[in-house]
Amino acid sequence: MALDKTTVANIASLARLEVAPEQQEALAGELSGILTWIEQLSEVDTRTVAPMTCVADLALAWREDAVTDGGYPTRVLANAPEQQDGCYVVPKVVE
């Protein structure tokens, strides 16, 4: 897929990037090269490959799903400008 300067300018605008007009032609070539590589990936037959989250065969460590106070509530509340019953006191924002 070949990109032109107009498309690069549009992509830069959507990404909120400022690209000088004299750099757009070079950037168009680089982006076109990247898209060519991506198009080549669609030619690979992956029907027999199982989905995976990592290329290494690793198992994630599981831990008990338990709610805790973190183990040091006094250190956490030390930065609170105002606290009550072990919690931050914040101003009311909804009427």
C-alpha atoms as a PDB file:
ATOM      1  CA  MET A   1       0.000   0.000   0.000  1.00  0.00           C
ATOM      2  CA  ALA A   2       1.502   3.298  -1.062  1.00  0.00           C
ATOM      3  CA  LEU A   3       0.751   6.456   0.888  1.00  0.00           C
ATOM      4  CA  ASP A   4       0.965   9.979  -0.480  1.00  0.00           C
ATOM      5  CA  LYS A   5       1.714  13.292   1.212  1.00  0.00           C
ATOM      6  CA  THR A   6      -1.993  14.083   1.658  1.00  0.00           C
ATOM      7  CA  THR A   7      -2.613  10.831   3.521  1.00  0.00           C
ATOM      8  CA  VAL A   8       0.449  11.396   5.721  1.00  0.00           C
ATOM      9  CA  ALA A   9      -0.789  14.901   6.540  1.00  0.00           C
ATOM     10  CA  ASN A  10      -4.200  13.461   7.461  1.00  0.00           C
ATOM     11  CA  ILE A  11      -2.643  10.752   9.672  1.00  0.00           C
ATOM     12  CA  ALA A  12      -0.451  13.356  11.374  1.00  0.00           C
ATOM     13  CA  SER A  13      -3.503  15.536  11.999  1.00  0.00           C
ATOM     14  CA  LEU A  14      -5.449  12.625  13.514  1.00  0.00           C
ATOM     15  CA  ALA A  15      -2.457  11.726  15.713  1.00  0.00           C
ATOM     16  CA  ARG A  16      -2.068  15.385  16.684  1.00  0.00           C
ATOM     17  CA  LEU A  17       1.501  15.413  15.352  1.00  0.00           C
ATOM     18  CA  GLU A  18       3.139  18.313  13.577  1.00  0.00           C
ATOM     19  CA  VAL A  19       4.953  17.085  10.463  1.00  0.00           C
ATOM     20  CA  ALA A  20       6.711  19.659   8.297  1.00  0.00           C
ATOM     21  CA  PRO A  21       5.643  19.558   4.626  1.00  0.00           C
ATOM     22  CA  GLU A  22       9.198  18.784   3.497  1.00  0.00           C
ATOM     23  CA  GLN A  23       9.228  15.688   5.753  1.00  0.00           C
ATOM     24  CA  GLN A  24       5.898  14.297   4.546  1.00  0.00           C
ATOM     25  CA  GLU A  25       7.311  12.666   1.400  1.00  0.00           C
ATOM     26  CA  ALA A  26      10.012  10.787   3.352  1.00  0.00           C
ATOM     27  CA  LEU A  27       7.498   9.789   6.018  1.00  0.00           C
ATOM     28  CA  ALA A  28       5.114   8.542   3.327  1.00  0.00           C
ATOM     29  CA  GLY A  29       7.851   6.209   2.061  1.00  0.00           C
ATOM     30  CA  GLU A  30       8.621   4.905   5.547  1.00  0.00           C
ATOM     31  CA  LEU A  31       4.967   4.307   6.394  1.00  0.00           C
ATOM     32  CA  SER A  32       4.404   2.596   3.044  1.00  0.00           C
ATOM     33  CA  GLY A  33       7.286   0.244   3.844  1.00  0.00           C
ATOM     34  CA  ILE A  34       5.784  -0.587   7.234  1.00  0.00           C
ATOM     35  CA  LEU A  35       2.401  -1.294   5.675  1.00  0.00           C
ATOM     36  CA  THR A  36       4.067  -3.553   3.093  1.00  0.00           C
ATOM     37  CA  TRP A  37       5.548  -5.638   5.913  1.00  0.00           C
ATOM     38  CA  ILE A  38       2.141  -5.827   7.594  1.00  0.00           C
ATOM     39  CA  GLU A  39       0.529  -6.971   4.329  1.00  0.00           C
ATOM     40  CA  GLN A  40       3.102  -9.774   4.102  1.00  0.00           C
ATOM     41  CA  LEU A  41       1.918 -11.078   7.484  1.00  0.00           C
ATOM     42  CA  SER A  42      -1.523 -11.784   6.035  1.00  0.00           C
ATOM     43  CA  GLU A  43       0.067 -14.275   3.614  1.00  0.00           C
ATOM     44  CA  VAL A  44       1.198 -16.543   6.472  1.00  0.00           C
ATOM     45  CA  ASP A  45      -1.053 -19.561   7.108  1.00  0.00           C
ATOM     46  CA  THR A  46      -1.866 -19.514  10.830  1.00  0.00           C
ATOM     47  CA  ARG A  47      -4.880 -21.844  10.839  1.00  0.00           C
ATOM     48  CA  THR A  48      -2.985 -24.560  12.745  1.00  0.00           C
ATOM     49  CA  VAL A  49      -1.331 -22.200  15.245  1.00  0.00           C
ATOM     50  CA  ALA A  50      -3.050 -21.959  18.622  1.00  0.00           C
ATOM     51  CA  PRO A  51      -3.630 -18.454  20.007  1.00  0.00           C
ATOM     52  CA  MET A  52      -1.097 -17.472  22.650  1.00  0.00           C
ATOM     53  CA  THR A  53      -0.260 -14.553  24.883  1.00  0.00           C
ATOM     54  CA  CYS A  54       3.508 -15.061  24.785  1.00  0.00           C
ATOM     55  CA  VAL A  55       6.002 -16.778  22.471  1.00  0.00           C
ATOM     56  CA  ALA A  56       7.561 -18.562  25.461  1.00  0.00           C
ATOM     57  CA  ASP A  57       5.565 -21.361  27.069  1.00  0.00           C
ATOM     58  CA  LEU A  58       5.064 -19.719  30.448  1.00  0.00           C
ATOM     59  CA  ALA A  59       2.321 -20.112  33.021  1.00  0.00           C
ATOM     60  CA  LEU A  60       1.101 -17.090  34.907  1.00  0.00           C
ATOM     61  CA  ALA A  61       1.412 -17.159  38.682  1.00  0.00           C
ATOM     62  CA  TRP A  62      -1.983 -17.112  40.360  1.00  0.00           C
ATOM     63  CA  ARG A  63      -2.668 -15.580  43.729  1.00  0.00           C
ATOM     64  CA  GLU A  64      -5.683 -15.569  45.954  1.00  0.00           C
ATOM     65  CA  ASP A  65      -8.175 -12.856  45.033  1.00  0.00           C
ATOM     66  CA  ALA A  66      -8.550 -11.209  48.426  1.00  0.00           C
ATOM     67  CA  VAL A  67      -9.279  -7.619  49.380  1.00  0.00           C
ATOM     68  CA  THR A  68      -6.659  -6.200  51.755  1.00  0.00           C
ATOM     69  CA  ASP A  69      -5.693  -2.798  53.092  1.00  0.00           C
ATOM     70  CA  GLY A  70      -2.241  -3.108  51.543  1.00  0.00           C
ATOM     71  CA  GLY A  71      -0.581  -3.774  54.861  1.00  0.00           C
ATOM     72  CA  TYR A  72       0.402  -0.208  55.686  1.00  0.00           C
ATOM     73  CA  PRO A  73      -2.673   2.055  55.946  1.00  0.00           C
ATOM     74  CA  THR A  74      -0.952   4.547  58.242  1.00  0.00           C
ATOM     75  CA  ARG A  75       1.732   5.230  55.620  1.00  0.00           C
ATOM     76  CA  VAL A  76      -0.927   5.708  52.949  1.00  0.00           C
ATOM     77  CA  LEU A  77      -2.982   8.066  55.077  1.00  0.00           C
ATOM     78  CA  ALA A  78       0.107  10.066  56.120  1.00  0.00           C
ATOM     79  CA  ASN A  79      -0.289  12.191  52.969  1.00  0.00           C
ATOM     80  CA  ALA A  80      -4.000  12.841  53.481  1.00  0.00           C
ATOM     81  CA  PRO A  81      -4.794  16.469  54.306  1.00  0.00           C
ATOM     82  CA  GLU A  82      -7.830  15.214  56.246  1.00  0.00           C
ATOM     83  CA  GLN A  83      -8.787  11.688  57.326  1.00  0.00           C
ATOM     84  CA  GLN A  84     -11.579  10.048  59.267  1.00  0.00           C
ATOM     85  CA  ASP A  85     -11.923   6.417  60.407  1.00  0.00           C
ATOM     86  CA  GLY A  86      -8.934   5.327  58.317  1.00  0.00           C
ATOM     87  CA  CYS A  87     -10.223   6.920  55.096  1.00  0.00           C
ATOM     88  CA  TYR A  88      -9.512  10.059  53.092  1.00  0.00           C
ATOM     89  CA  VAL A  89     -12.005  12.874  53.563  1.00  0.00           C
ATOM     90  CA  VAL A  90     -12.770  14.568  50.251  1.00  0.00           C
ATOM     91  CA  PRO A  91     -15.092  17.458  49.411  1.00  0.00           C
ATOM     92  CA  LYS A  92     -18.531  16.645  48.058  1.00  0.00           C
ATOM     93  CA  VAL A  93     -18.570  17.029  44.263  1.00  0.00           C
ATOM     94  CA  VAL A  94     -22.111  15.889  43.404  1.00  0.00           C
ATOM     95  CA  GLU A  95     -25.198  17.616  44.778  1.00  0.00           C
END
